[in-house]
Every structure is written in C-alpha cells, then in structure tokens.
Amino acid sequence: MSATALPPPRFADPAVFGRVAVLMGGTSSEREVSLNSGSNVLEALRARGIDAQPVDGIPALVEALAQERFDRVFNILHGGDGENGVVQGLLQGLGVPYTGPGVLGSALTMDKIRTKLLWIAAGLPTACFVRIPAGGDLAAAVRELGLPVFVKPSCEGSSVGVFPIRSEDELAPALEFAAGYEGELLAEQMLTGGEYTVGILGEVALPSIRIVPASGWYDYHAKYIAEDTQYLCPGLQGGEEAQIRALALEGFRAAGCSGWGRVDVMRHADGRFMLMEVNTAPGMTSHSLVPKAAAQLGIGFEELCWRILEQTV
C-alpha cells in the first residue's frame, strides 16, 4: 500500500461491530479534551448505525466489561492510563478488541525520552535533548543544551507543562513547574524550520499538516481554543511531502505502533525533518488534526471513525 492510497472500507454493516464502548474522560490532565473527542466519536459512530455507548474512565469500563456489556472499545482516553499501556493491557488480557496501538507501542510512546532514545538507536532523526530527572537541575540542562529550548514533561500531552525558553529571563515559570512536578522532564532543542504533523491510518501516512499558530508557538490555547491557528494541508509538496510521510510512518512503526495515531515532526532551520513524538489516541475535536488530514483524502469524520473501528475486527 502506498503512502497515499487508502483501501476501501472492509465492512458496510454496522452490526459487525456489535456493542461498542467509547472510552473517554478519565482522570488525566487531558480529561476535558478527551470528553470533547469522545462525544464527537460517539455521535459519529451512532450516525453510522453503530451501537455505541459512552464510558467515562477505566473503573467504569471494568465494571461494564464484567457485565459483558461490550464487544469492543473505541479508546479515546487521552493521556495517563489511556495511552500508557494500562488500558491496552487490561483489554488485551480480557480478549476485548480495541482501537489504537498495543501495549508496547502505547507504553513506549507515552514516554518522550524513551521514544527518542529508541529513534536514535534506530538511526532516525530527532531533536537534541537533555534528560532532567525528578528534582534535577533544570537550569543546568537548559544551559548544557543551549538556548532556545523547550522544557516539557516526558509523559504528558496536549502541551501540558510545556515552556518555550528563548532567554534566561524565561526560566522562572519552568523552574516553578519543575519544583512541583514529580516526573521526568526534558530540555529539547527548539527547532525553527516549521511544525508539522502526520496522521497514520493503518498502513497509510495521511497528508502532512503544517501548523502556523498566530501566537508563535502551538500551546494549549492554540490547539483547542484559538480560531486563528492556520493548518496548511498538505503541509509540503512533491518530494518533501513524500519524505515527511515516509519518515512519520517509519517512526511510528519503529516505536512498536500500529492501527492509527499521529506523529509530530519539526523542521530544522537547515531543512532536515526531526521526529518529535507519537500520539496513540489523537484528539478528535473540532480543532484536531487527524480529521483534517483525512478530509484531504475525501474521508469525512464519520467515515474516519468507522475506519478506525474497523481495525478492531
């Protein structure tokens, strides 16, 4: 299958899916985004005649599965145990099909540091970084790497706890956050050649999207609230577009991922593409990127949700 050709849908009868739990919400820092994504997915599946029901969080899912209420799970639980392999391991152990990558890919890519180490070992390009252990010297890591940098948690999403630092004067908010944060952080080289993302659907890399936030960087506000963020799709043309899609698909597979997801890529000022991170349960809100990319191939939101769910059959 080429990087641009999508096969036809495998099924036409919604009954093939049985009873579907749309897993959303939960307790992570991304709860509100997950509820937004989940309500959109739920509406789309129901519009296609699928017997889909909302389930808020893993304890509720465990209770429902104990009562044999569902045949498969559309996982749109962002962050935390929804993306770190926990819910994947639960469902795999119970023999319940689910959307998205499996235990290994989910657990690995939830950790940005370990994902980058794997890519480096595989000879794939990623931005330079310095690991900051819990309680470590953030200021020293930033100085070691050299400004400008991003400081971010290794295991969060949706731009939670991400700080752009272009000068020593901008260190204070990151230092304050780090003082109260129990996990690992990383200082990462700030690349200035453009920000891109590539959705993955099965064996296909969707058209790239170039993200141009009006504020200068793609923070939580630019992702979920602002209406002036530009999304250029496809983000590139010709050979460069083919290159970024191939790199994203290679990075996704190298990290043990399959099914669907999204790979974020930055461009160095010298033109090189650098893998940044993998999202194994990407957003499905009105501002989200995988639906925008799928639309470029004529795949509407309802069909996209159908095709993602098809991967569980």
Protein backbone atom coordinates (compact mmCIF):
# COMPACT_ATOMS: atom_id res chain seq x y z
CA MET A 1 0.00 0.00 0.00
CA SER A 2 1.39 3.40 -0.94
CA ALA A 3 1.66 6.29 1.48
CA THR A 4 -1.37 7.99 -0.09
CA ALA A 5 -3.75 5.24 -1.21
CA LEU A 6 -6.45 4.20 1.24
CA PRO A 7 -8.13 0.84 0.69
CA PRO A 8 -11.93 0.75 0.55
CA PRO A 9 -13.77 0.17 3.83
CA ARG A 10 -13.84 -3.51 4.82
CA PHE A 11 -17.42 -3.59 6.10
CA ALA A 12 -20.75 -1.99 5.29
CA ASP A 13 -22.96 -3.46 8.03
CA PRO A 14 -22.69 -1.70 11.42
CA ALA A 15 -23.84 -4.89 13.14
CA VAL A 16 -20.38 -6.39 12.55
CA PHE A 17 -19.03 -4.22 15.38
CA GLY A 18 -21.53 -5.37 18.00
CA ARG A 19 -21.71 -3.21 21.12
CA VAL A 20 -19.01 -0.56 21.22
CA ALA A 21 -17.74 1.28 24.30
CA VAL A 22 -16.39 4.75 23.54
CA LEU A 23 -13.87 5.14 26.35
CA MET A 24 -13.34 8.79 27.27
CA GLY A 25 -12.81 11.22 30.14
CA GLY A 26 -10.81 9.54 32.89
CA THR A 27 -8.66 11.34 35.42
CA SER A 28 -5.62 12.59 33.47
CA SER A 29 -4.77 16.23 32.85
CA GLU A 30 -6.37 15.79 29.42
CA ARG A 31 -9.81 14.81 30.73
CA GLU A 32 -11.74 17.72 29.20
CA VAL A 33 -10.17 17.26 25.77
CA SER A 34 -10.94 13.53 25.96
CA LEU A 35 -14.59 14.19 26.79
CA ASN A 36 -14.78 16.52 23.80
CA SER A 37 -13.16 13.96 21.49
CA GLY A 38 -15.28 11.15 22.87
CA SER A 39 -18.59 12.94 22.37
CA ASN A 40 -17.66 13.59 18.73
CA VAL A 41 -16.68 9.97 18.14
CA LEU A 42 -19.84 8.73 19.85
CA GLU A 43 -22.04 10.92 17.68
CA ALA A 44 -20.21 9.82 14.51
CA LEU A 45 -20.49 6.11 15.27
CA ARG A 46 -24.16 6.38 16.13
CA ALA A 47 -24.78 8.33 12.93
CA ARG A 48 -23.45 5.31 11.04
CA GLY A 49 -25.82 2.95 12.87
CA ILE A 50 -23.29 1.53 15.34
CA ASP A 51 -24.48 0.55 18.82
CA ALA A 52 -22.04 2.80 20.70
CA GLN A 53 -22.23 3.91 24.33
CA PRO A 54 -20.06 6.32 26.37
CA VAL A 55 -17.90 5.03 29.20
CA ASP A 56 -16.13 7.53 31.46
CA GLY A 57 -12.81 6.16 32.72
CA ILE A 58 -11.27 2.77 33.35
CA PRO A 59 -13.14 1.73 36.54
CA ALA A 60 -16.46 2.19 34.72
CA LEU A 61 -15.09 0.21 31.78
CA VAL A 62 -14.03 -2.66 34.05
CA GLU A 63 -17.49 -2.78 35.59
CA ALA A 64 -19.18 -2.76 32.17
CA LEU A 65 -16.92 -5.49 30.79
CA ALA A 66 -17.56 -7.64 33.87
CA GLN A 67 -21.24 -7.49 32.91
CA GLU A 68 -20.33 -8.39 29.29
CA ARG A 69 -21.94 -5.23 28.01
CA PHE A 70 -19.44 -4.50 25.20
CA ASP A 71 -17.78 -6.36 22.33
CA ARG A 72 -15.03 -3.84 21.56
CA VAL A 73 -13.64 -0.49 22.71
CA PHE A 74 -13.00 2.72 20.82
CA ASN A 75 -10.32 4.20 23.07
CA ILE A 76 -10.25 7.98 23.03
CA LEU A 77 -8.98 8.29 26.60
CA HIS A 78 -6.21 10.88 26.20
CA GLY A 79 -3.13 10.76 28.41
CA GLY A 80 -2.43 8.77 31.56
CA ASP A 81 -3.64 5.18 31.67
CA GLY A 82 -5.49 5.64 28.38
CA GLU A 83 -2.26 5.91 26.42
CA ASN A 84 0.47 4.39 28.58
CA GLY A 85 -0.33 0.71 28.04
CA VAL A 86 -2.52 0.20 31.11
CA VAL A 87 -5.93 0.08 29.42
CA GLN A 88 -4.37 -1.72 26.45
CA GLY A 89 -3.02 -4.43 28.76
CA LEU A 90 -6.37 -4.74 30.51
CA LEU A 91 -8.27 -5.16 27.26
CA GLN A 92 -5.69 -7.48 25.76
CA GLY A 93 -5.82 -9.67 28.85
CA LEU A 94 -9.59 -9.83 28.65
CA GLY A 95 -9.56 -10.53 24.93
CA VAL A 96 -11.55 -7.39 24.09
CA PRO A 97 -10.56 -5.73 20.78
CA TYR A 98 -9.65 -2.04 20.98
CA THR A 99 -8.54 0.80 18.75
CA GLY A 100 -5.01 2.16 18.59
CA PRO A 101 -1.56 0.67 19.20
CA GLY A 102 -0.98 -2.21 21.59
CA VAL A 103 0.68 -2.36 24.98
CA LEU A 104 4.29 -1.91 23.85
CA GLY A 105 3.74 0.97 21.43
CA SER A 106 1.40 2.78 23.82
CA ALA A 107 3.67 2.45 26.85
CA LEU A 108 6.81 3.43 24.98
CA THR A 109 5.49 6.47 23.14
CA MET A 110 3.84 7.89 26.27
CA ASP A 111 7.44 8.46 27.39
CA LYS A 112 9.05 11.06 25.12
CA ILE A 113 12.57 10.41 26.42
CA ARG A 114 12.50 6.64 25.80
CA THR A 115 10.86 7.13 22.40
CA LYS A 116 13.65 9.48 21.36
CA LEU A 117 16.29 7.06 22.64
CA LEU A 118 14.75 4.31 20.51
CA TRP A 119 14.67 6.53 17.42
CA ILE A 120 18.31 7.46 17.94
CA ALA A 121 19.23 3.78 18.25
CA ALA A 122 17.29 3.07 15.04
CA GLY A 123 19.14 5.83 13.20
CA LEU A 124 16.07 8.06 12.90
CA PRO A 125 16.38 11.84 13.31
CA THR A 126 15.05 13.61 16.40
CA ALA A 127 15.80 16.92 18.10
CA CYS A 128 18.71 17.10 20.54
CA PHE A 129 17.63 16.89 24.19
CA VAL A 130 18.83 16.58 27.78
CA ARG A 131 17.00 14.42 30.31
CA ILE A 132 16.08 16.09 33.60
CA PRO A 133 15.31 13.57 36.36
CA ALA A 134 12.76 14.43 39.04
CA GLY A 135 14.40 17.05 41.26
CA GLY A 136 17.19 17.56 38.72
CA ASP A 137 18.87 20.83 37.78
CA LEU A 138 16.66 22.24 35.03
CA ALA A 139 18.69 25.42 34.59
CA ALA A 140 21.88 23.42 34.12
CA ALA A 141 20.20 21.21 31.49
CA VAL A 142 19.00 24.26 29.58
CA ARG A 143 22.46 25.80 29.62
CA GLU A 144 24.03 22.48 28.52
CA LEU A 145 21.74 22.29 25.51
CA GLY A 146 21.87 25.99 24.68
CA LEU A 147 19.02 28.41 24.07
CA PRO A 148 16.40 28.43 22.65
CA VAL A 149 14.81 25.28 24.07
CA PHE A 150 11.50 23.77 25.08
CA VAL A 151 11.18 22.29 28.54
CA LYS A 152 8.45 19.66 28.80
CA PRO A 153 7.36 16.66 30.86
CA SER A 154 8.37 13.32 29.40
CA CYS A 155 4.95 11.75 30.00
CA GLU A 156 2.26 14.37 29.39
CA GLY A 157 0.33 15.54 26.33
CA SER A 158 -1.77 18.41 24.99
CA SER A 159 1.10 20.84 25.70
CA VAL A 160 0.63 20.37 29.46
CA GLY A 161 3.70 21.74 31.25
CA VAL A 162 5.50 22.85 28.07
CA PHE A 163 7.61 26.00 28.36
CA PRO A 164 9.38 27.77 25.48
CA ILE A 165 12.61 29.34 26.78
CA ARG A 166 14.36 31.77 24.49
CA SER A 167 16.30 33.66 27.16
CA GLU A 168 17.40 33.22 30.76
CA ASP A 169 14.59 35.61 31.75
CA GLU A 170 12.02 32.99 30.72
CA LEU A 171 13.36 30.25 33.02
CA ALA A 172 11.31 31.15 36.10
CA PRO A 173 7.91 29.60 35.13
CA ALA A 174 9.60 26.35 34.08
CA LEU A 175 11.57 26.22 37.34
CA GLU A 176 8.38 26.77 39.34
CA PHE A 177 6.59 23.98 37.45
CA ALA A 178 9.53 21.59 37.84
CA ALA A 179 9.65 22.18 41.59
CA GLY A 180 6.16 20.72 41.96
CA TYR A 181 6.32 18.05 39.27
CA GLU A 182 7.18 14.50 40.29
CA GLY A 183 8.11 13.06 36.90
CA GLU A 184 10.99 13.41 34.47
CA LEU A 185 11.36 16.45 32.26
CA LEU A 186 13.43 17.08 29.18
CA ALA A 187 15.00 20.14 27.70
CA GLU A 188 14.72 19.91 23.93
CA GLN A 189 16.28 21.96 21.17
CA MET A 190 13.79 24.49 19.77
CA LEU A 191 13.61 23.95 16.03
CA THR A 192 12.57 26.89 13.88
CA GLY A 193 12.03 25.47 10.39
CA GLY A 194 8.32 24.72 10.81
CA GLU A 195 5.99 22.47 12.76
CA TYR A 196 4.24 19.53 11.10
CA THR A 197 2.13 16.55 11.99
CA VAL A 198 1.31 13.37 10.06
CA GLY A 199 -1.68 11.17 10.82
CA ILE A 200 -1.36 7.41 10.45
CA LEU A 201 -4.34 5.28 9.45
CA GLY A 202 -3.45 1.61 9.13
CA GLU A 203 -0.61 1.32 6.64
CA VAL A 204 -1.14 4.82 5.24
CA ALA A 205 0.50 8.10 6.19
CA LEU A 206 -2.10 10.82 5.69
CA PRO A 207 -1.22 14.20 4.13
CA SER A 208 1.02 16.28 6.37
CA ILE A 209 -0.27 19.39 8.10
CA ARG A 210 1.86 22.44 8.70
CA ILE A 211 0.80 24.21 11.87
CA VAL A 212 1.14 28.00 11.96
CA PRO A 213 -0.09 29.40 15.31
CA ALA A 214 -0.70 33.13 15.42
CA SER A 215 0.85 33.31 18.89
CA GLY A 216 4.19 31.96 17.66
CA TRP A 217 4.01 28.52 19.25
CA TYR A 218 1.45 25.73 19.44
CA ASP A 219 0.34 25.79 23.08
CA TYR A 220 -2.90 24.54 24.67
CA HIS A 221 -4.74 27.73 23.70
CA ALA A 222 -3.64 27.50 20.07
CA LYS A 223 -4.61 23.80 19.93
CA TYR A 224 -8.06 23.84 21.48
CA ILE A 225 -9.36 27.39 21.78
CA ALA A 226 -7.89 29.84 19.27
CA GLU A 227 -9.58 30.28 15.90
CA ASP A 228 -6.59 31.96 14.24
CA THR A 229 -4.20 28.98 14.14
CA GLN A 230 -3.52 28.08 10.49
CA TYR A 231 -3.45 24.45 9.34
CA LEU A 232 -1.93 24.03 5.88
CA CYS A 233 -2.74 20.63 4.39
CA PRO A 234 -0.84 19.20 2.72
CA GLY A 235 1.95 20.97 4.52
CA LEU A 236 4.50 20.27 1.80
CA GLN A 237 4.66 19.37 -1.87
CA GLY A 238 6.36 16.82 -4.09
CA GLY A 239 9.41 15.04 -2.76
CA GLU A 240 9.38 16.80 0.60
CA GLU A 241 5.80 15.69 1.24
CA ALA A 242 6.69 12.10 0.36
CA GLN A 243 9.75 12.32 2.62
CA ILE A 244 7.92 13.54 5.71
CA ARG A 245 5.16 10.95 5.34
CA ALA A 246 7.66 8.13 4.93
CA LEU A 247 9.63 9.33 7.97
CA ALA A 248 6.49 9.56 10.11
CA LEU A 249 5.38 6.06 9.15
CA GLU A 250 8.87 4.69 9.83
CA GLY A 251 9.00 6.41 13.24
CA PHE A 252 5.53 5.09 14.11
CA ARG A 253 6.43 1.51 13.25
CA ALA A 254 9.86 1.69 14.91
CA ALA A 255 8.15 2.65 18.17
CA GLY A 256 6.08 -0.54 18.05
CA CYS A 257 2.88 1.19 16.96
CA SER A 258 0.13 0.05 14.63
CA GLY A 259 -3.50 0.90 13.93
CA TRP A 260 -3.87 4.65 13.98
CA GLY A 261 -2.10 7.59 15.57
CA ARG A 262 -0.28 10.81 14.82
CA VAL A 263 3.40 11.61 14.54
CA ASP A 264 4.63 15.14 15.24
CA VAL A 265 7.60 16.38 13.23
CA MET A 266 9.63 19.59 13.40
CA ARG A 267 11.90 21.00 10.75
CA HIS A 268 15.41 22.19 11.49
CA ALA A 269 16.44 25.56 10.11
CA ASP A 270 18.72 23.64 7.71
CA GLY A 271 15.70 21.80 6.25
CA ARG A 272 16.05 18.42 7.99
CA PHE A 273 12.93 16.78 9.40
CA MET A 274 13.07 15.66 13.04
CA LEU A 275 10.69 13.22 14.73
CA MET A 276 9.29 14.70 17.95
CA GLU A 277 6.65 12.41 19.46
CA VAL A 278 3.86 9.92 18.77
CA ASN A 279 0.25 10.31 19.85
CA THR A 280 -1.53 6.95 20.14
CA ALA A 281 -5.02 8.32 20.91
CA PRO A 282 -5.03 11.61 18.97
CA GLY A 283 -7.61 14.29 19.53
CA MET A 284 -10.90 14.11 17.68
CA THR A 285 -12.17 17.60 18.50
CA SER A 286 -13.20 20.34 16.07
CA HIS A 287 -9.60 21.59 16.16
CA SER A 288 -7.94 18.18 15.84
CA LEU A 289 -5.52 17.27 13.11
CA VAL A 290 -6.09 13.67 12.02
CA PRO A 291 -9.64 14.52 10.84
CA LYS A 292 -8.28 17.50 8.89
CA ALA A 293 -5.72 15.30 7.14
CA ALA A 294 -8.22 12.53 6.39
CA ALA A 295 -10.56 15.09 4.85
CA GLN A 296 -7.87 15.87 2.25
CA LEU A 297 -8.29 12.30 1.01
CA GLY A 298 -12.07 12.59 0.96
CA ILE A 299 -12.56 10.82 4.29
CA GLY A 300 -15.15 12.61 6.42
CA PHE A 301 -15.28 12.41 10.20
CA GLU A 302 -17.90 9.67 10.35
CA GLU A 303 -16.01 7.50 7.87
CA LEU A 304 -12.74 8.13 9.71
CA CYS A 305 -14.25 6.85 12.96
CA TRP A 306 -15.67 3.84 11.08
CA ARG A 307 -12.28 3.03 9.55
CA ILE A 308 -10.52 3.31 12.92
CA LEU A 309 -13.08 0.96 14.45
CA GLU A 310 -12.66 -1.45 11.53
CA GLN A 311 -9.12 -2.10 12.74
CA THR A 312 -10.57 -3.94 15.76
CA VAL A 313 -12.40 -6.58 13.69
